[in-house]
N, C-alpha and C. Protein backbone atom coordinates (compact mmCIF):
# COMPACT_ATOMS: atom_id res chain seq x y z
N UNK A 1 0.95 -1.11 0.03
CA UNK A 1 -0.08 0.10 0.04
C UNK A 1 0.94 1.14 0.11
N UNK A 2 0.54 1.98 -1.14
CA UNK A 2 1.38 3.24 -0.74
C UNK A 2 0.98 4.98 -0.54
N UNK A 3 1.40 5.17 0.75
CA UNK A 3 1.11 6.83 1.02
C UNK A 3 0.49 7.60 0.07
N UNK A 4 -0.87 8.42 0.11
CA UNK A 4 -1.20 9.06 -0.61
C UNK A 4 -0.27 10.51 -1.00
N UNK A 5 -0.26 10.48 -2.49
CA UNK A 5 0.69 11.73 -2.25
C UNK A 5 -0.37 13.00 -3.13
N UNK A 6 0.26 14.17 -2.57
CA UNK A 6 -1.00 15.77 -2.98
C UNK A 6 -0.16 16.40 -3.67
N UNK A 7 -1.04 17.61 -4.62
CA UNK A 7 -0.31 18.32 -5.63
C UNK A 7 -1.27 19.40 -5.17
N UNK A 8 -0.55 20.64 -4.91
CA UNK A 8 -1.13 21.83 -5.01
C UNK A 8 -1.05 22.83 -5.45
N UNK A 9 -1.33 24.54 -5.71
CA UNK A 9 -1.12 25.64 -5.76
C UNK A 9 0.43 25.83 -4.48
N UNK A 10 1.49 26.73 -5.03
CA UNK A 10 2.53 26.49 -3.96
C UNK A 10 1.62 28.19 -3.03
N UNK A 11 1.79 27.28 -1.85
CA UNK A 11 1.05 28.27 -0.52
C UNK A 11 1.84 29.46 -1.01
N UNK A 12 3.18 30.06 -1.79
CA UNK A 12 3.85 31.14 -1.37
C UNK A 12 2.76 32.03 -2.59
N UNK A 13 2.94 31.20 -3.67
CA UNK A 13 1.74 32.07 -4.57
C UNK A 13 0.00 32.28 -3.96
N UNK A 14 -0.27 31.61 -3.60
CA UNK A 14 -1.09 31.81 -2.86
C UNK A 14 -1.50 32.77 -1.51
N UNK A 15 -0.29 33.37 -0.90
CA UNK A 15 -0.23 34.36 -0.06
C UNK A 15 0.01 35.60 -0.87
N UNK A 16 0.41 35.53 -2.22
CA UNK A 16 0.83 36.55 -2.84
C UNK A 16 -0.47 37.15 -3.28
N UNK A 17 -0.95 36.15 -3.75
CA UNK A 17 -2.39 36.83 -4.74
C UNK A 17 -3.39 37.33 -3.55
N UNK A 18 -3.63 36.90 -2.35
CA UNK A 18 -3.96 37.75 -1.22
C UNK A 18 -3.21 38.83 -0.53
N UNK A 19 -2.00 39.16 -0.56
CA UNK A 19 -1.41 39.87 -0.21
C UNK A 19 -1.53 40.84 -1.36
N UNK A 20 -1.56 40.65 -2.08
CA UNK A 20 -2.05 41.59 -3.49
C UNK A 20 -2.98 42.11 -3.63
N UNK A 21 -4.08 41.27 -2.95
CA UNK A 21 -5.80 41.68 -2.70
C UNK A 21 -5.76 42.79 -1.78
N UNK A 22 -5.23 42.59 -0.73
CA UNK A 22 -5.00 43.31 0.67
C UNK A 22 -4.82 45.02 0.08
N UNK A 23 -3.73 45.05 -0.57
CA UNK A 23 -2.71 46.12 -1.20
C UNK A 23 -3.80 47.14 -2.56
N UNK A 24 -4.67 46.25 -3.15
CA UNK A 24 -5.00 46.89 -4.12
C UNK A 24 -6.59 47.60 -3.41
N UNK A 25 -6.51 46.55 -2.28
CA UNK A 25 -7.92 47.26 -1.57
C UNK A 25 -7.30 48.74 -0.55
N UNK A 26 -6.32 48.51 -0.12
CA UNK A 26 -5.88 50.19 0.61
C UNK A 26 -6.18 50.94 -0.35
N UNK A 27 -5.00 50.61 -1.81
CA UNK A 27 -5.00 51.70 -2.77
C UNK A 27 -6.51 52.16 -2.86
N UNK A 28 -7.42 51.49 -3.32
CA UNK A 28 -8.58 51.45 -3.71
C UNK A 28 -9.42 52.61 -3.03
N UNK A 29 -9.36 52.15 -1.41
CA UNK A 29 -10.31 53.20 -0.72
C UNK A 29 -8.95 54.43 -0.65
N UNK A 30 -7.93 54.89 -0.71
CA UNK A 30 -7.41 56.15 -0.48
C UNK A 30 -6.93 56.63 -1.86
N UNK A 31 -7.47 56.03 -2.80
CA UNK A 31 -7.29 56.71 -4.23
C UNK A 31 -8.68 57.91 -4.07
N UNK A 32 -8.45 58.85 -5.23
CA UNK A 32 -9.47 59.93 -4.75
C UNK A 32 -9.72 59.77 -6.29
N UNK A 33 -9.23 59.17 -7.82
CA UNK A 33 -9.30 59.07 -8.83
C UNK A 33 -10.75 58.49 -9.17
N UNK A 34 -11.54 58.67 -9.70
CA UNK A 34 -13.10 57.28 -9.97
C UNK A 34 -12.56 56.47 -11.00
N UNK A 35 -11.75 57.04 -11.96
CA UNK A 35 -11.52 55.66 -12.69
C UNK A 35 -10.54 54.68 -11.98
N UNK A 36 -9.67 55.68 -11.66
CA UNK A 36 -8.75 54.65 -10.76
C UNK A 36 -8.81 53.43 -9.93
N UNK A 37 -9.91 53.89 -9.19
CA UNK A 37 -10.94 53.43 -7.75
C UNK A 37 -11.52 51.93 -8.55
N UNK A 38 -12.08 52.61 -9.80
CA UNK A 38 -12.57 51.50 -10.76
C UNK A 38 -11.47 50.82 -11.21
N UNK A 39 -10.71 50.44 -11.75
CA UNK A 39 -10.00 49.97 -12.21
C UNK A 39 -8.81 49.14 -10.86
N UNK A 40 -8.68 49.78 -9.99
CA UNK A 40 -8.01 49.03 -8.72
C UNK A 40 -8.77 48.10 -8.05
N UNK A 41 -10.21 48.51 -7.94
CA UNK A 41 -11.26 47.46 -7.83
C UNK A 41 -11.59 46.35 -8.02
N UNK A 42 -11.60 46.61 -9.69
CA UNK A 42 -11.41 45.25 -10.64
C UNK A 42 -10.50 44.39 -10.15
N UNK A 43 -8.78 44.85 -10.06
CA UNK A 43 -7.85 44.00 -9.78
C UNK A 43 -7.80 43.27 -8.11
N UNK A 44 -8.78 44.31 -7.14
CA UNK A 44 -8.89 43.71 -5.87
C UNK A 44 -9.83 42.47 -5.95
N UNK A 45 -10.50 42.50 -6.80
CA UNK A 45 -11.56 41.16 -6.87
C UNK A 45 -10.45 40.29 -7.92
N UNK A 46 -10.12 40.63 -8.93
CA UNK A 46 -10.06 39.54 -9.81
C UNK A 46 -8.46 38.60 -8.20
N UNK A 47 -7.73 39.12 -7.63
CA UNK A 47 -6.65 39.05 -6.80
C UNK A 47 -7.74 38.13 -5.46
N UNK A 48 -8.72 38.72 -5.58
CA UNK A 48 -9.21 37.78 -3.92
C UNK A 48 -9.99 36.64 -5.23
N UNK A 49 -10.07 36.26 -5.71
CA UNK A 49 -10.71 35.04 -6.81
C UNK A 49 -9.28 34.20 -6.86
N UNK A 50 -8.34 34.86 -7.05
CA UNK A 50 -7.48 34.06 -7.79
C UNK A 50 -6.75 33.39 -6.26
N UNK A 51 -6.67 34.42 -5.14
CA UNK A 51 -6.71 33.98 -3.64
C UNK A 51 -7.35 32.78 -2.97
N UNK A 52 -8.76 32.85 -3.20
CA UNK A 52 -10.16 32.02 -2.70
C UNK A 52 -9.72 30.57 -3.55
N UNK A 53 -9.45 30.84 -4.77
CA UNK A 53 -9.38 29.70 -5.80
C UNK A 53 -8.28 28.40 -5.38
N UNK A 54 -7.17 29.28 -5.30
CA UNK A 54 -5.72 28.97 -4.44
C UNK A 54 -5.88 28.18 -2.93
N UNK A 55 -6.65 28.96 -2.60
CA UNK A 55 -7.74 28.40 -1.22
C UNK A 55 -8.13 27.19 -1.00
N UNK A 56 -9.06 26.81 -1.39
CA UNK A 56 -9.81 26.21 -1.47
C UNK A 56 -9.95 25.07 -2.16
N UNK A 57 -8.90 25.05 -3.79
CA UNK A 57 -8.81 23.73 -4.04
C UNK A 57 -8.05 22.66 -3.48
N UNK A 58 -7.28 23.35 -2.47
CA UNK A 58 -6.00 22.25 -1.98
C UNK A 58 -6.89 21.39 -1.16
N UNK A 59 -5.82 20.07 -1.31
CA UNK A 59 -5.13 19.63 -2.45
C UNK A 59 -5.77 19.56 -3.94
N UNK A 60 -5.30 20.51 -4.89
CA UNK A 60 -5.67 19.73 -6.04
C UNK A 60 -5.94 18.54 -6.67
N UNK A 61 -4.43 17.70 -6.52
CA UNK A 61 -4.86 16.25 -7.11
C UNK A 61 -4.48 15.62 -5.64
N UNK A 62 -4.95 15.00 -5.55
CA UNK A 62 -4.70 13.57 -4.37
C UNK A 62 -4.37 11.99 -4.94
N UNK A 63 -3.67 11.31 -4.66
CA UNK A 63 -3.39 9.93 -5.29
C UNK A 63 -3.47 9.39 -4.22
N UNK A 64 -4.15 7.56 -4.21
CA UNK A 64 -4.15 6.79 -3.49
C UNK A 64 -3.87 5.35 -4.58
N UNK A 65 -4.18 4.17 -3.38
CA UNK A 65 -4.09 3.09 -4.53
C UNK A 65 -5.86 2.86 -4.94
N UNK A 66 -6.68 3.54 -4.16
CA UNK A 66 -7.92 3.38 -4.81
C UNK A 66 -8.20 4.77 -6.41
N UNK A 67 -7.47 5.16 -6.92
CA UNK A 67 -7.37 5.99 -7.76
C UNK A 67 -6.77 7.62 -7.67
N UNK A 68 -7.68 8.58 -7.85
CA UNK A 68 -7.08 9.65 -7.77
C UNK A 68 -8.34 10.29 -7.61
N UNK A 69 -7.97 11.58 -6.53
CA UNK A 69 -9.52 12.72 -6.10
C UNK A 69 -8.54 13.96 -7.17
N UNK A 70 -9.62 14.44 -7.52
CA UNK A 70 -9.78 15.96 -8.43
C UNK A 70 -10.24 17.09 -7.59
N UNK A 71 -9.82 18.61 -6.81
CA UNK A 71 -10.39 19.18 -6.29
C UNK A 71 -10.88 20.30 -7.02
N UNK A 72 -12.16 20.65 -7.41
CA UNK A 72 -12.64 21.65 -7.82
C UNK A 72 -12.85 22.78 -7.25
N UNK A 73 -13.57 24.13 -7.74
CA UNK A 73 -14.61 24.29 -6.73
C UNK A 73 -16.16 24.16 -6.67
N UNK A 74 -16.08 23.36 -7.61
CA UNK A 74 -17.60 22.44 -6.85
C UNK A 74 -17.47 21.28 -6.12
N UNK A 75 -16.30 21.15 -5.89
CA UNK A 75 -16.31 19.80 -4.62
C UNK A 75 -15.32 18.60 -5.20
N UNK A 76 -14.71 17.95 -5.02
CA UNK A 76 -13.54 16.89 -4.70
C UNK A 76 -14.45 15.61 -5.76
N UNK A 77 -13.74 15.03 -6.97
CA UNK A 77 -14.52 14.37 -7.66
C UNK A 77 -13.46 13.15 -7.23
N UNK A 78 -13.79 11.45 -7.26
CA UNK A 78 -13.08 10.55 -7.23
C UNK A 78 -13.03 9.97 -8.34
N UNK A 79 -11.95 9.49 -8.83
CA UNK A 79 -12.02 9.25 -9.96
C UNK A 79 -10.91 7.42 -9.87
N UNK A 80 -11.42 6.38 -10.26
CA UNK A 80 -10.88 5.02 -10.00
C UNK A 80 -9.94 5.25 -11.20
N UNK A 81 -8.86 4.40 -11.13
CA UNK A 81 -7.76 3.95 -12.27
C UNK A 81 -8.55 3.94 -13.18
N UNK A 82 -9.13 2.68 -13.15
CA UNK A 82 -9.37 2.09 -14.92
C UNK A 82 -10.09 3.00 -14.85
N UNK A 83 -10.79 3.84 -14.86
CA UNK A 83 -11.53 5.00 -15.62
C UNK A 83 -10.81 6.73 -15.61
N UNK A 84 -9.58 6.66 -16.19
CA UNK A 84 -8.75 7.43 -16.14
C UNK A 84 -7.95 6.93 -17.49
N UNK A 85 -7.42 7.80 -17.53
CA UNK A 85 -6.30 8.00 -18.74
C UNK A 85 -5.36 9.23 -18.17
N UNK A 86 -4.03 8.41 -17.98
CA UNK A 86 -3.02 9.92 -17.99
C UNK A 86 -2.41 10.49 -19.47
N UNK A 87 -2.27 11.41 -19.65
CA UNK A 87 -1.30 12.09 -20.55
C UNK A 87 -1.06 13.52 -20.10
N UNK A 88 0.55 13.17 -20.92
CA UNK A 88 1.28 14.69 -20.67
C UNK A 88 1.22 15.64 -22.43
N UNK A 89 0.73 16.44 -22.03
CA UNK A 89 0.72 17.37 -23.23
C UNK A 89 2.08 18.36 -23.05
N UNK A 90 2.67 18.56 -24.01
CA UNK A 90 3.45 19.37 -24.70
C UNK A 90 3.34 20.55 -25.76
N UNK A 91 3.40 21.69 -25.08
CA UNK A 91 2.96 22.44 -26.18
C UNK A 91 4.14 23.35 -26.41
N UNK A 92 4.61 23.81 -28.00
CA UNK A 92 5.48 25.10 -28.20
C UNK A 92 5.15 26.27 -28.82
N UNK A 93 5.25 27.32 -27.76
CA UNK A 93 4.76 28.67 -28.42
C UNK A 93 5.88 29.47 -28.10
N UNK A 94 6.06 30.54 -28.51
CA UNK A 94 7.00 31.71 -28.53
C UNK A 94 8.18 30.65 -28.12
N UNK A 95 8.73 30.18 -28.62
CA UNK A 95 10.24 29.48 -28.58
C UNK A 95 10.49 28.44 -27.36
N UNK A 96 8.97 28.66 -26.35
CA UNK A 96 9.23 27.92 -25.23
C UNK A 96 8.41 26.52 -25.26
N UNK A 97 8.91 25.63 -24.51
CA UNK A 97 8.15 24.06 -24.25
C UNK A 97 6.99 24.24 -23.12
N UNK A 98 5.94 23.93 -23.15
CA UNK A 98 5.43 24.17 -21.23
C UNK A 98 4.34 22.35 -21.74
N UNK A 99 4.18 22.16 -20.54
CA UNK A 99 3.88 20.73 -20.34
C UNK A 99 2.45 21.05 -19.51
N UNK A 100 0.81 19.99 -19.79
CA UNK A 100 0.53 20.31 -19.00
C UNK A 100 -0.29 19.27 -18.66
N UNK A 101 -0.46 18.28 -17.54
CA UNK A 101 -0.99 16.86 -17.16
C UNK A 101 -2.03 16.77 -17.68
N UNK A 102 -3.15 15.91 -18.27
CA UNK A 102 -4.31 15.84 -18.67
C UNK A 102 -4.84 14.46 -17.66
N UNK A 103 -6.07 14.46 -17.66
CA UNK A 103 -6.52 13.55 -16.81
C UNK A 103 -7.89 13.30 -17.55
N UNK A 104 -7.70 12.09 -18.64
CA UNK A 104 -9.26 12.31 -19.15
C UNK A 104 -10.35 11.11 -18.38
N UNK A 105 -10.95 11.37 -18.01
CA UNK A 105 -11.62 10.41 -17.13
C UNK A 105 -13.22 10.05 -18.17
N UNK A 106 -13.62 8.79 -17.98
CA UNK A 106 -14.88 7.99 -18.84
C UNK A 106 -15.42 6.93 -17.92
N UNK A 107 -16.55 7.26 -17.82
CA UNK A 107 -17.93 6.71 -16.82
C UNK A 107 -18.97 6.38 -17.80
N UNK A 108 -18.86 5.37 -18.64
CA UNK A 108 -19.99 5.29 -19.47
C UNK A 108 -20.22 6.05 -20.68
N UNK A 109 -21.37 6.68 -20.59
CA UNK A 109 -21.19 8.56 -21.80
C UNK A 109 -20.95 9.07 -21.13
N UNK A 110 -20.70 9.34 -19.90
CA UNK A 110 -20.04 10.64 -19.19
C UNK A 110 -18.98 10.67 -18.87
N UNK A 111 -18.02 11.61 -19.39
CA UNK A 111 -16.58 12.12 -19.58
C UNK A 111 -16.47 13.53 -19.08
N UNK A 112 -14.78 13.76 -18.60
CA UNK A 112 -14.52 14.99 -18.22
C UNK A 112 -13.26 14.92 -18.34
N UNK A 113 -12.47 16.38 -18.87
CA UNK A 113 -11.17 16.21 -18.98
C UNK A 113 -10.36 17.30 -18.14
N UNK A 114 -9.51 17.05 -17.38
CA UNK A 114 -8.87 17.94 -16.19
C UNK A 114 -7.42 17.83 -16.78
N UNK A 115 -7.21 19.36 -16.89
CA UNK A 115 -6.03 19.73 -16.83
C UNK A 115 -5.08 20.55 -15.75
N UNK A 116 -4.22 20.16 -15.97
CA UNK A 116 -3.49 21.03 -15.11
C UNK A 116 -2.21 21.45 -15.26
N UNK A 117 -1.55 22.29 -14.97
CA UNK A 117 -0.89 23.43 -15.16
C UNK A 117 0.29 23.51 -13.93
N UNK A 118 1.82 23.76 -14.48
CA UNK A 118 2.84 24.23 -13.15
C UNK A 118 2.17 24.81 -11.82
N UNK A 119 1.15 25.88 -12.05
CA UNK A 119 0.68 26.82 -11.28
C UNK A 119 -0.37 25.63 -10.61
N UNK A 120 -1.49 25.16 -11.46
CA UNK A 120 -2.28 23.83 -10.58
C UNK A 120 -1.45 22.83 -9.07
N UNK A 121 -0.24 22.71 -9.91
CA UNK A 121 0.06 21.36 -9.11
C UNK A 121 1.23 22.02 -8.13
N UNK A 122 2.17 22.80 -8.46
CA UNK A 122 3.23 23.34 -7.55
C UNK A 122 4.51 23.02 -8.44
N UNK A 123 4.56 22.31 -9.07
CA UNK A 123 5.40 21.76 -9.54
C UNK A 123 5.55 20.97 -11.06
N UNK A 124 6.58 20.64 -11.70
CA UNK A 124 6.66 20.32 -13.01
C UNK A 124 5.73 19.09 -13.55
N UNK A 125 4.66 19.33 -14.02
CA UNK A 125 3.44 18.47 -14.56
C UNK A 125 3.91 17.18 -15.17
N UNK A 126 5.06 16.87 -15.60
CA UNK A 126 6.21 15.84 -16.13
C UNK A 126 6.64 15.16 -14.83
N UNK A 127 6.94 15.85 -13.92
CA UNK A 127 6.96 14.79 -12.67
C UNK A 127 6.00 14.38 -12.07
N UNK A 128 4.89 14.47 -12.24
CA UNK A 128 3.65 14.26 -11.78
C UNK A 128 3.10 13.13 -12.38
N UNK A 129 3.53 12.88 -14.08
CA UNK A 129 3.03 12.35 -14.61
C UNK A 129 3.82 10.96 -14.20
N UNK A 130 4.62 11.29 -14.21
CA UNK A 130 6.09 9.96 -14.27
C UNK A 130 5.11 9.77 -12.82
N UNK A 131 4.95 10.03 -11.32
CA UNK A 131 4.73 9.55 -10.30
C UNK A 131 3.01 8.59 -10.33
N UNK A 132 2.38 9.30 -11.29
CA UNK A 132 1.30 8.75 -11.57
C UNK A 132 1.22 7.50 -12.31
N UNK A 133 2.57 7.41 -13.57
CA UNK A 133 2.38 6.29 -14.05
C UNK A 133 3.00 4.93 -13.15
N UNK A 134 3.88 5.55 -12.24
CA UNK A 134 4.39 4.86 -11.22
C UNK A 134 3.80 3.91 -10.39
N UNK A 135 2.26 4.86 -9.43
CA UNK A 135 1.97 4.22 -8.73
C UNK A 135 0.16 3.68 -9.69
N UNK A 136 0.16 4.10 -10.73
CA UNK A 136 -1.40 3.03 -11.30
C UNK A 136 -0.85 1.67 -11.06
N UNK A 137 -1.78 0.55 -10.59
CA UNK A 137 -1.91 -0.93 -10.34
C UNK A 137 -1.67 -1.28 -12.34
């Protein structure tokens, strides 16, 4: 039996999002220009959303012997190993290669694609894919 493994957004980035939200809120409050207040208010809302997302989806991916658990804003979804295909997608843009981890879940006629970036996992998706392939029964 393998111990559960988890991946989440990096705590430092989540904390940075919350900190920037506070800074933007304070600057919005002390700003006297109405146009600046609108844009700073929007920046505050965006940072609050990013901070909340990073906080509430922890852990983003949990893996154990029975399968995978993917956490989203709508809750956690249990995915048995036999219903999931794990893929590593590589994209080349602007001369730089990026990798994303794709979990293709299918049960009968229901299917869903989960895509994880390095920001979602807190590490390189290639490393996570290697672990998933090693743990898969």
